[in-house]
Amino acid sequence: MAQQSHEGYRDRSHAGAALGMALASELPAGNYTVLGLLRGGVPVASEVARSLGGRLGALAVRKLGVPSNPEIAFGAIASYGMASGRYLDQEIHRRALRYFGESELESVEFRATRELMELAGEFKPYAPDLAGQQVVVCDDGIATGSTMLAALDLVWRLKPKLVVVAAPVAPSELVQNLAYPADQVVIAWQPPDFRAVGAHYQDFAPVQREEALRLLRAAGN
């Protein structure tokens, strides 16, 4: 798809509106369920759902960060309703296992699982049935793909008809990695100088629980 020429997004709502326009032109007309990864993906998904006239839901994810550098993920976990998903980056996991040991990585996953269950419990009312549905999974950006891959592992367990990955910004080399677990990947902007996701936003403040709940309630589905 044609890439936008811009310096970045004002905020997640602006990014979601741009992504919604891209999806409306890429996807055939139909009924879509749009899931935002909690919590940063929800404002993006809210705008996408508005553009597509679809249902809005929320999917809980947590990155499994390497103990010495949590920004580097050795995997991720996800939860939606009663279902769960998990993804491990085999190479990073092997290296982290050699350096830190199994018990240290298990501690990371235990803490992340506890946080995930709390988050998933709060947003459980906003997990519509995905069986037979056309599902769009949104985040505010994709850097390594770990949380998105965990989300896709989970979503496919719920037997949707179609799964689309969508994000306002991601590195071009990542698109191929997501193409196999998804039916389609739509990235509104693939900057040649991709840095951290937040570097491509003017306002990338954390999305608070109350804001995510407000958007989900306002969707009315």
C-alpha atoms as a PDB file:
ATOM      1  CA  MET A   1       0.000   0.000   0.000  1.00  0.00           C
ATOM      2  CA  ALA A   2       1.117   3.611  -0.523  1.00  0.00           C
ATOM      3  CA  GLN A   3       2.947   5.037   2.467  1.00  0.00           C
ATOM      4  CA  GLN A   4       2.080   8.354   4.028  1.00  0.00           C
ATOM      5  CA  SER A   5       4.619  11.164   3.964  1.00  0.00           C
ATOM      6  CA  HIS A   6       4.593  12.746   7.423  1.00  0.00           C
ATOM      7  CA  GLU A   7       6.627  13.424  10.518  1.00  0.00           C
ATOM      8  CA  GLY A   8       4.528  11.282  12.825  1.00  0.00           C
ATOM      9  CA  TYR A   9       1.205  11.181  14.636  1.00  0.00           C
ATOM     10  CA  ARG A  10      -0.168  13.743  17.065  1.00  0.00           C
ATOM     11  CA  ASP A  11      -1.560  11.074  19.370  1.00  0.00           C
ATOM     12  CA  ARG A  12      -3.224   7.655  19.301  1.00  0.00           C
ATOM     13  CA  SER A  13      -6.578   9.023  18.151  1.00  0.00           C
ATOM     14  CA  HIS A  14      -4.922  10.694  15.170  1.00  0.00           C
ATOM     15  CA  ALA A  15      -3.041   7.471  14.422  1.00  0.00           C
ATOM     16  CA  GLY A  16      -6.226   5.423  14.688  1.00  0.00           C
ATOM     17  CA  ALA A  17      -8.059   7.710  12.290  1.00  0.00           C
ATOM     18  CA  ALA A  18      -5.250   7.342   9.728  1.00  0.00           C
ATOM     19  CA  LEU A  19      -5.204   3.573  10.197  1.00  0.00           C
ATOM     20  CA  GLY A  20      -8.986   3.420   9.912  1.00  0.00           C
ATOM     21  CA  MET A  21      -8.863   5.167   6.538  1.00  0.00           C
ATOM     22  CA  ALA A  22      -6.155   2.767   5.334  1.00  0.00           C
ATOM     23  CA  LEU A  23      -8.187  -0.265   6.429  1.00  0.00           C
ATOM     24  CA  ALA A  24     -11.413   1.061   4.899  1.00  0.00           C
ATOM     25  CA  SER A  25      -9.647   1.235   1.531  1.00  0.00           C
ATOM     26  CA  GLU A  26      -7.836  -2.116   1.905  1.00  0.00           C
ATOM     27  CA  LEU A  27     -10.561  -4.370   3.313  1.00  0.00           C
ATOM     28  CA  PRO A  28     -13.782  -5.475   1.632  1.00  0.00           C
ATOM     29  CA  ALA A  29     -17.026  -4.283   3.162  1.00  0.00           C
ATOM     30  CA  GLY A  30     -18.226  -6.526   5.960  1.00  0.00           C
ATOM     31  CA  ASN A  31     -18.830  -6.930   9.658  1.00  0.00           C
ATOM     32  CA  TYR A  32     -15.595  -6.619  11.654  1.00  0.00           C
ATOM     33  CA  THR A  33     -14.688  -7.072  15.292  1.00  0.00           C
ATOM     34  CA  VAL A  34     -11.828  -4.722  16.149  1.00  0.00           C
ATOM     35  CA  LEU A  35      -9.641  -5.619  19.132  1.00  0.00           C
ATOM     36  CA  GLY A  36      -7.256  -3.169  20.755  1.00  0.00           C
ATOM     37  CA  LEU A  37      -4.276  -4.524  22.674  1.00  0.00           C
ATOM     38  CA  LEU A  38      -4.495  -3.204  26.213  1.00  0.00           C
ATOM     39  CA  ARG A  39      -4.086  -0.504  26.927  1.00  0.00           C
ATOM     40  CA  GLY A  40      -2.318   1.556  24.249  1.00  0.00           C
ATOM     41  CA  GLY A  41      -4.083  -0.148  21.356  1.00  0.00           C
ATOM     42  CA  VAL A  42      -7.603   0.712  22.528  1.00  0.00           C
ATOM     43  CA  PRO A  43      -7.696   4.383  21.365  1.00  0.00           C
ATOM     44  CA  VAL A  44      -6.375   3.246  17.980  1.00  0.00           C
ATOM     45  CA  ALA A  45      -8.901   0.402  17.758  1.00  0.00           C
ATOM     46  CA  SER A  46     -11.715   2.770  18.761  1.00  0.00           C
ATOM     47  CA  GLU A  47     -11.084   4.933  15.695  1.00  0.00           C
ATOM     48  CA  VAL A  48     -10.668   1.878  13.455  1.00  0.00           C
ATOM     49  CA  ALA A  49     -13.962   0.399  14.666  1.00  0.00           C
ATOM     50  CA  ARG A  50     -15.646   3.722  13.902  1.00  0.00           C
ATOM     51  CA  SER A  51     -14.202   3.759  10.378  1.00  0.00           C
ATOM     52  CA  LEU A  52     -15.238   0.159   9.689  1.00  0.00           C
ATOM     53  CA  GLY A  53     -18.563   0.309  11.520  1.00  0.00           C
ATOM     54  CA  GLY A  54     -17.389  -2.653  13.595  1.00  0.00           C
ATOM     55  CA  ARG A  55     -17.606  -3.943  17.150  1.00  0.00           C
ATOM     56  CA  LEU A  56     -14.894  -2.861  19.589  1.00  0.00           C
ATOM     57  CA  GLY A  57     -13.189  -5.147  22.083  1.00  0.00           C
ATOM     58  CA  ALA A  58     -10.011  -5.325  24.147  1.00  0.00           C
ATOM     59  CA  LEU A  59      -7.346  -8.011  24.449  1.00  0.00           C
ATOM     60  CA  ALA A  60      -4.860  -8.118  27.351  1.00  0.00           C
ATOM     61  CA  VAL A  61      -1.156  -8.637  26.608  1.00  0.00           C
ATOM     62  CA  ARG A  62       2.071  -8.504  28.590  1.00  0.00           C
ATOM     63  CA  LYS A  63       5.623  -8.564  27.291  1.00  0.00           C
ATOM     64  CA  LEU A  64       8.157 -10.944  28.865  1.00  0.00           C
ATOM     65  CA  GLY A  65      11.228  -8.739  29.205  1.00  0.00           C
ATOM     66  CA  VAL A  66      14.813  -9.868  29.628  1.00  0.00           C
ATOM     67  CA  PRO A  67      15.722  -9.214  33.322  1.00  0.00           C
ATOM     68  CA  SER A  68      18.673  -6.892  32.575  1.00  0.00           C
ATOM     69  CA  ASN A  69      16.765  -4.982  29.855  1.00  0.00           C
ATOM     70  CA  PRO A  70      12.960  -5.315  30.039  1.00  0.00           C
ATOM     71  CA  GLU A  71      12.557  -3.507  26.707  1.00  0.00           C
ATOM     72  CA  ILE A  72      14.026  -6.581  25.001  1.00  0.00           C
ATOM     73  CA  ALA A  73      11.325  -9.255  24.914  1.00  0.00           C
ATOM     74  CA  PHE A  74      12.023 -12.967  25.076  1.00  0.00           C
ATOM     75  CA  GLY A  75       8.313 -13.519  24.576  1.00  0.00           C
ATOM     76  CA  ALA A  76       4.825 -12.341  25.471  1.00  0.00           C
ATOM     77  CA  ILE A  77       1.559 -13.645  26.905  1.00  0.00           C
ATOM     78  CA  ALA A  78      -2.069 -12.748  26.157  1.00  0.00           C
ATOM     79  CA  SER A  79      -5.507 -13.288  27.663  1.00  0.00           C
ATOM     80  CA  TYR A  80      -9.038 -12.835  26.285  1.00  0.00           C
ATOM     81  CA  GLY A  81     -12.136 -14.098  28.050  1.00  0.00           C
ATOM     82  CA  MET A  82     -11.220 -17.600  29.224  1.00  0.00           C
ATOM     83  CA  ALA A  83      -8.536 -18.132  26.570  1.00  0.00           C
ATOM     84  CA  SER A  84      -4.799 -17.493  26.721  1.00  0.00           C
ATOM     85  CA  GLY A  85      -1.922 -17.277  24.252  1.00  0.00           C
ATOM     86  CA  ARG A  86       1.859 -17.329  24.473  1.00  0.00           C
ATOM     87  CA  TYR A  87       4.768 -16.558  22.200  1.00  0.00           C
ATOM     88  CA  LEU A  88       8.503 -17.118  22.744  1.00  0.00           C
ATOM     89  CA  ASP A  89      11.273 -15.634  20.634  1.00  0.00           C
ATOM     90  CA  GLN A  90      13.311 -18.824  20.533  1.00  0.00           C
ATOM     91  CA  GLU A  91      16.703 -17.193  19.931  1.00  0.00           C
ATOM     92  CA  ILE A  92      16.377 -14.498  22.606  1.00  0.00           C
ATOM     93  CA  HIS A  93      14.838 -16.997  25.019  1.00  0.00           C
ATOM     94  CA  ARG A  94      17.749 -19.420  24.543  1.00  0.00           C
ATOM     95  CA  ARG A  95      20.318 -16.689  25.168  1.00  0.00           C
ATOM     96  CA  ALA A  96      18.434 -15.339  28.202  1.00  0.00           C
ATOM     97  CA  LEU A  97      18.096 -18.863  29.575  1.00  0.00           C
ATOM     98  CA  ARG A  98      21.858 -19.440  29.345  1.00  0.00           C
ATOM     99  CA  TYR A  99      22.678 -16.126  30.993  1.00  0.00           C
ATOM    100  CA  PHE A 100      19.972 -15.781  33.673  1.00  0.00           C
ATOM    101  CA  GLY A 101      18.811 -19.347  34.264  1.00  0.00           C
ATOM    102  CA  GLU A 102      15.382 -20.933  34.204  1.00  0.00           C
ATOM    103  CA  SER A 103      14.234 -19.744  37.643  1.00  0.00           C
ATOM    104  CA  GLU A 104      14.867 -16.067  36.805  1.00  0.00           C
ATOM    105  CA  LEU A 105      12.867 -16.279  33.581  1.00  0.00           C
ATOM    106  CA  GLU A 106      10.097 -18.159  35.360  1.00  0.00           C
ATOM    107  CA  SER A 107       9.937 -15.308  37.889  1.00  0.00           C
ATOM    108  CA  VAL A 108       9.539 -12.804  35.052  1.00  0.00           C
ATOM    109  CA  GLU A 109       6.698 -14.845  33.558  1.00  0.00           C
ATOM    110  CA  PHE A 110       5.032 -15.340  36.947  1.00  0.00           C
ATOM    111  CA  ARG A 111       4.940 -11.586  37.600  1.00  0.00           C
ATOM    112  CA  ALA A 112       3.750 -10.850  34.059  1.00  0.00           C
ATOM    113  CA  THR A 113       1.010 -13.493  34.329  1.00  0.00           C
ATOM    114  CA  ARG A 114      -0.250 -11.995  37.585  1.00  0.00           C
ATOM    115  CA  GLU A 115      -0.429  -8.534  35.973  1.00  0.00           C
ATOM    116  CA  LEU A 116      -2.062 -10.005  32.874  1.00  0.00           C
ATOM    117  CA  MET A 117      -4.797 -11.772  34.826  1.00  0.00           C
ATOM    118  CA  GLU A 118      -5.617  -8.582  36.722  1.00  0.00           C
ATOM    119  CA  LEU A 119      -5.789  -6.581  33.489  1.00  0.00           C
ATOM    120  CA  ALA A 120      -7.838  -9.235  31.677  1.00  0.00           C
ATOM    121  CA  GLY A 121     -10.269  -9.444  34.592  1.00  0.00           C
ATOM    122  CA  GLU A 122     -10.928  -5.694  34.498  1.00  0.00           C
ATOM    123  CA  PHE A 123     -11.714  -5.764  30.787  1.00  0.00           C
ATOM    124  CA  LYS A 124     -13.495  -9.130  30.564  1.00  0.00           C
ATOM    125  CA  PRO A 125     -16.887  -7.513  29.750  1.00  0.00           C
ATOM    126  CA  TYR A 126     -15.331  -6.182  26.529  1.00  0.00           C
ATOM    127  CA  ALA A 127     -14.379  -9.508  24.958  1.00  0.00           C
ATOM    128  CA  PRO A 128     -16.986 -10.276  22.257  1.00  0.00           C
ATOM    129  CA  ASP A 129     -17.208 -13.765  20.786  1.00  0.00           C
ATOM    130  CA  LEU A 130     -14.771 -14.206  17.890  1.00  0.00           C
ATOM    131  CA  ALA A 131     -15.988 -17.518  16.454  1.00  0.00           C
ATOM    132  CA  GLY A 132     -16.689 -17.113  12.741  1.00  0.00           C
ATOM    133  CA  GLN A 133     -15.904 -13.377  12.882  1.00  0.00           C
ATOM    134  CA  GLN A 134     -13.668 -11.151  10.774  1.00  0.00           C
ATOM    135  CA  VAL A 135     -11.229  -9.822  13.349  1.00  0.00           C
ATOM    136  CA  VAL A 136      -8.881  -6.833  13.164  1.00  0.00           C
ATOM    137  CA  VAL A 137      -6.196  -6.840  15.886  1.00  0.00           C
ATOM    138  CA  CYS A 138      -4.793  -3.330  16.527  1.00  0.00           C
ATOM    139  CA  ASP A 139      -1.955  -1.849  18.507  1.00  0.00           C
ATOM    140  CA  ASP A 140      -0.529   1.680  18.624  1.00  0.00           C
ATOM    141  CA  GLY A 141       2.581   0.394  16.864  1.00  0.00           C
ATOM    142  CA  ILE A 142       4.651  -2.739  16.460  1.00  0.00           C
ATOM    143  CA  ALA A 143       8.357  -2.821  17.281  1.00  0.00           C
ATOM    144  CA  THR A 144       9.458  -6.446  17.743  1.00  0.00           C
ATOM    145  CA  GLY A 145       6.084  -8.144  17.229  1.00  0.00           C
ATOM    146  CA  SER A 146       6.188 -10.258  20.407  1.00  0.00           C
ATOM    147  CA  THR A 147       2.941  -9.013  21.947  1.00  0.00           C
ATOM    148  CA  MET A 148       1.154  -9.118  18.600  1.00  0.00           C
ATOM    149  CA  LEU A 149       2.295 -12.700  17.976  1.00  0.00           C
ATOM    150  CA  ALA A 150       1.037 -13.745  21.419  1.00  0.00           C
ATOM    151  CA  ALA A 151      -2.284 -12.046  20.633  1.00  0.00           C
ATOM    152  CA  LEU A 152      -2.533 -13.863  17.301  1.00  0.00           C
ATOM    153  CA  ASP A 153      -1.825 -17.217  18.949  1.00  0.00           C
ATOM    154  CA  LEU A 154      -4.767 -16.544  21.243  1.00  0.00           C
ATOM    155  CA  VAL A 155      -7.149 -15.149  18.622  1.00  0.00           C
ATOM    156  CA  TRP A 156      -6.732 -18.136  16.315  1.00  0.00           C
ATOM    157  CA  ARG A 157      -7.712 -20.463  19.188  1.00  0.00           C
ATOM    158  CA  LEU A 158     -11.110 -18.760  19.176  1.00  0.00           C
ATOM    159  CA  LYS A 159     -11.809 -19.823  15.584  1.00  0.00           C
ATOM    160  CA  PRO A 160     -12.379 -16.554  13.706  1.00  0.00           C
ATOM    161  CA  LYS A 161     -13.110 -16.537   9.997  1.00  0.00           C
ATOM    162  CA  LEU A 162     -10.389 -13.988   9.173  1.00  0.00           C
ATOM    163  CA  VAL A 163      -7.623 -12.201  11.103  1.00  0.00           C
ATOM    164  CA  VAL A 164      -6.079  -8.869  10.084  1.00  0.00           C
ATOM    165  CA  VAL A 165      -3.136  -7.279  11.908  1.00  0.00           C
ATOM    166  CA  ALA A 166      -3.242  -3.471  11.865  1.00  0.00           C
ATOM    167  CA  ALA A 167      -1.023  -0.748  13.293  1.00  0.00           C
ATOM    168  CA  PRO A 168      -0.298   2.908  12.561  1.00  0.00           C
ATOM    169  CA  VAL A 169       3.476   2.385  12.484  1.00  0.00           C
ATOM    170  CA  ALA A 170       5.947  -0.509  12.257  1.00  0.00           C
ATOM    171  CA  PRO A 171       9.271  -1.313  10.564  1.00  0.00           C
ATOM    172  CA  SER A 172       8.857  -2.690   7.053  1.00  0.00           C
ATOM    173  CA  GLU A 173      10.940  -5.814   7.799  1.00  0.00           C
ATOM    174  CA  LEU A 174       8.437  -6.864  10.464  1.00  0.00           C
ATOM    175  CA  VAL A 175       5.498  -7.118   8.073  1.00  0.00           C
ATOM    176  CA  GLN A 176       6.760 -10.383   6.591  1.00  0.00           C
ATOM    177  CA  ASN A 177       7.067 -11.942  10.071  1.00  0.00           C
ATOM    178  CA  LEU A 178       3.393 -11.230  10.737  1.00  0.00           C
ATOM    179  CA  ALA A 179       2.119 -12.293   7.322  1.00  0.00           C
ATOM    180  CA  TYR A 180       2.046 -16.013   8.148  1.00  0.00           C
ATOM    181  CA  PRO A 181       0.024 -15.885  11.412  1.00  0.00           C
ATOM    182  CA  ALA A 182      -2.373 -13.294   9.910  1.00  0.00           C
ATOM    183  CA  ASP A 183      -4.483 -13.288   6.763  1.00  0.00           C
ATOM    184  CA  GLN A 184      -3.535  -9.696   6.054  1.00  0.00           C
ATOM    185  CA  VAL A 185      -1.230  -7.044   7.543  1.00  0.00           C
ATOM    186  CA  VAL A 186      -2.040  -3.340   7.179  1.00  0.00           C
ATOM    187  CA  ILE A 187       0.506  -0.815   8.460  1.00  0.00           C
ATOM    188  CA  ALA A 188      -0.415   2.810   7.751  1.00  0.00           C
ATOM    189  CA  TRP A 189       3.198   4.038   7.920  1.00  0.00           C
ATOM    190  CA  GLN A 190       6.473   2.130   7.634  1.00  0.00           C
ATOM    191  CA  PRO A 191       9.161   4.774   8.255  1.00  0.00           C
ATOM    192  CA  PRO A 192      12.592   3.953   6.812  1.00  0.00           C
ATOM    193  CA  ASP A 193      14.183   5.206  10.043  1.00  0.00           C
ATOM    194  CA  PHE A 194      11.922   3.313  12.459  1.00  0.00           C
ATOM    195  CA  ARG A 195      12.911   3.745  16.087  1.00  0.00           C
ATOM    196  CA  ALA A 196      10.827   3.003  19.167  1.00  0.00           C
ATOM    197  CA  VAL A 197       7.071   3.237  18.552  1.00  0.00           C
ATOM    198  CA  GLY A 198       6.752   6.277  20.811  1.00  0.00           C
ATOM    199  CA  ALA A 199       9.346   8.185  18.782  1.00  0.00           C
ATOM    200  CA  HIS A 200       6.775   8.488  15.979  1.00  0.00           C
ATOM    201  CA  TYR A 201       4.167  10.190  18.199  1.00  0.00           C
ATOM    202  CA  GLN A 202       4.076  13.718  19.560  1.00  0.00           C
ATOM    203  CA  ASP A 203       1.962  12.549  22.514  1.00  0.00           C
ATOM    204  CA  PHE A 204       2.625   8.984  23.625  1.00  0.00           C
ATOM    205  CA  ALA A 205       1.537   9.228  27.251  1.00  0.00           C
ATOM    206  CA  PRO A 206       0.413   5.925  28.821  1.00  0.00           C
ATOM    207  CA  VAL A 207      -3.259   5.111  28.315  1.00  0.00           C
ATOM    208  CA  GLN A 208      -4.951   4.991  31.690  1.00  0.00           C
ATOM    209  CA  ARG A 209      -7.488   2.356  32.678  1.00  0.00           C
ATOM    210  CA  GLU A 210     -10.292   4.940  32.857  1.00  0.00           C
ATOM    211  CA  GLU A 211      -9.650   6.174  29.313  1.00  0.00           C
ATOM    212  CA  ALA A 212      -9.677   2.660  27.862  1.00  0.00           C
ATOM    213  CA  LEU A 213     -12.909   1.830  29.711  1.00  0.00           C
ATOM    214  CA  ARG A 214     -14.532   5.083  28.563  1.00  0.00           C
ATOM    215  CA  LEU A 215     -13.795   4.305  24.912  1.00  0.00           C
ATOM    216  CA  LEU A 216     -15.080   0.739  25.222  1.00  0.00           C
ATOM    217  CA  ARG A 217     -18.280   1.846  26.961  1.00  0.00           C
ATOM    218  CA  ALA A 218     -18.830   4.584  24.392  1.00  0.00           C
ATOM    219  CA  ALA A 219     -18.694   1.993  21.600  1.00  0.00           C
ATOM    220  CA  GLY A 220     -21.883   0.549  23.037  1.00  0.00           C
ATOM    221  CA  ASN A 221     -21.366  -3.042  21.923  1.00  0.00           C
END
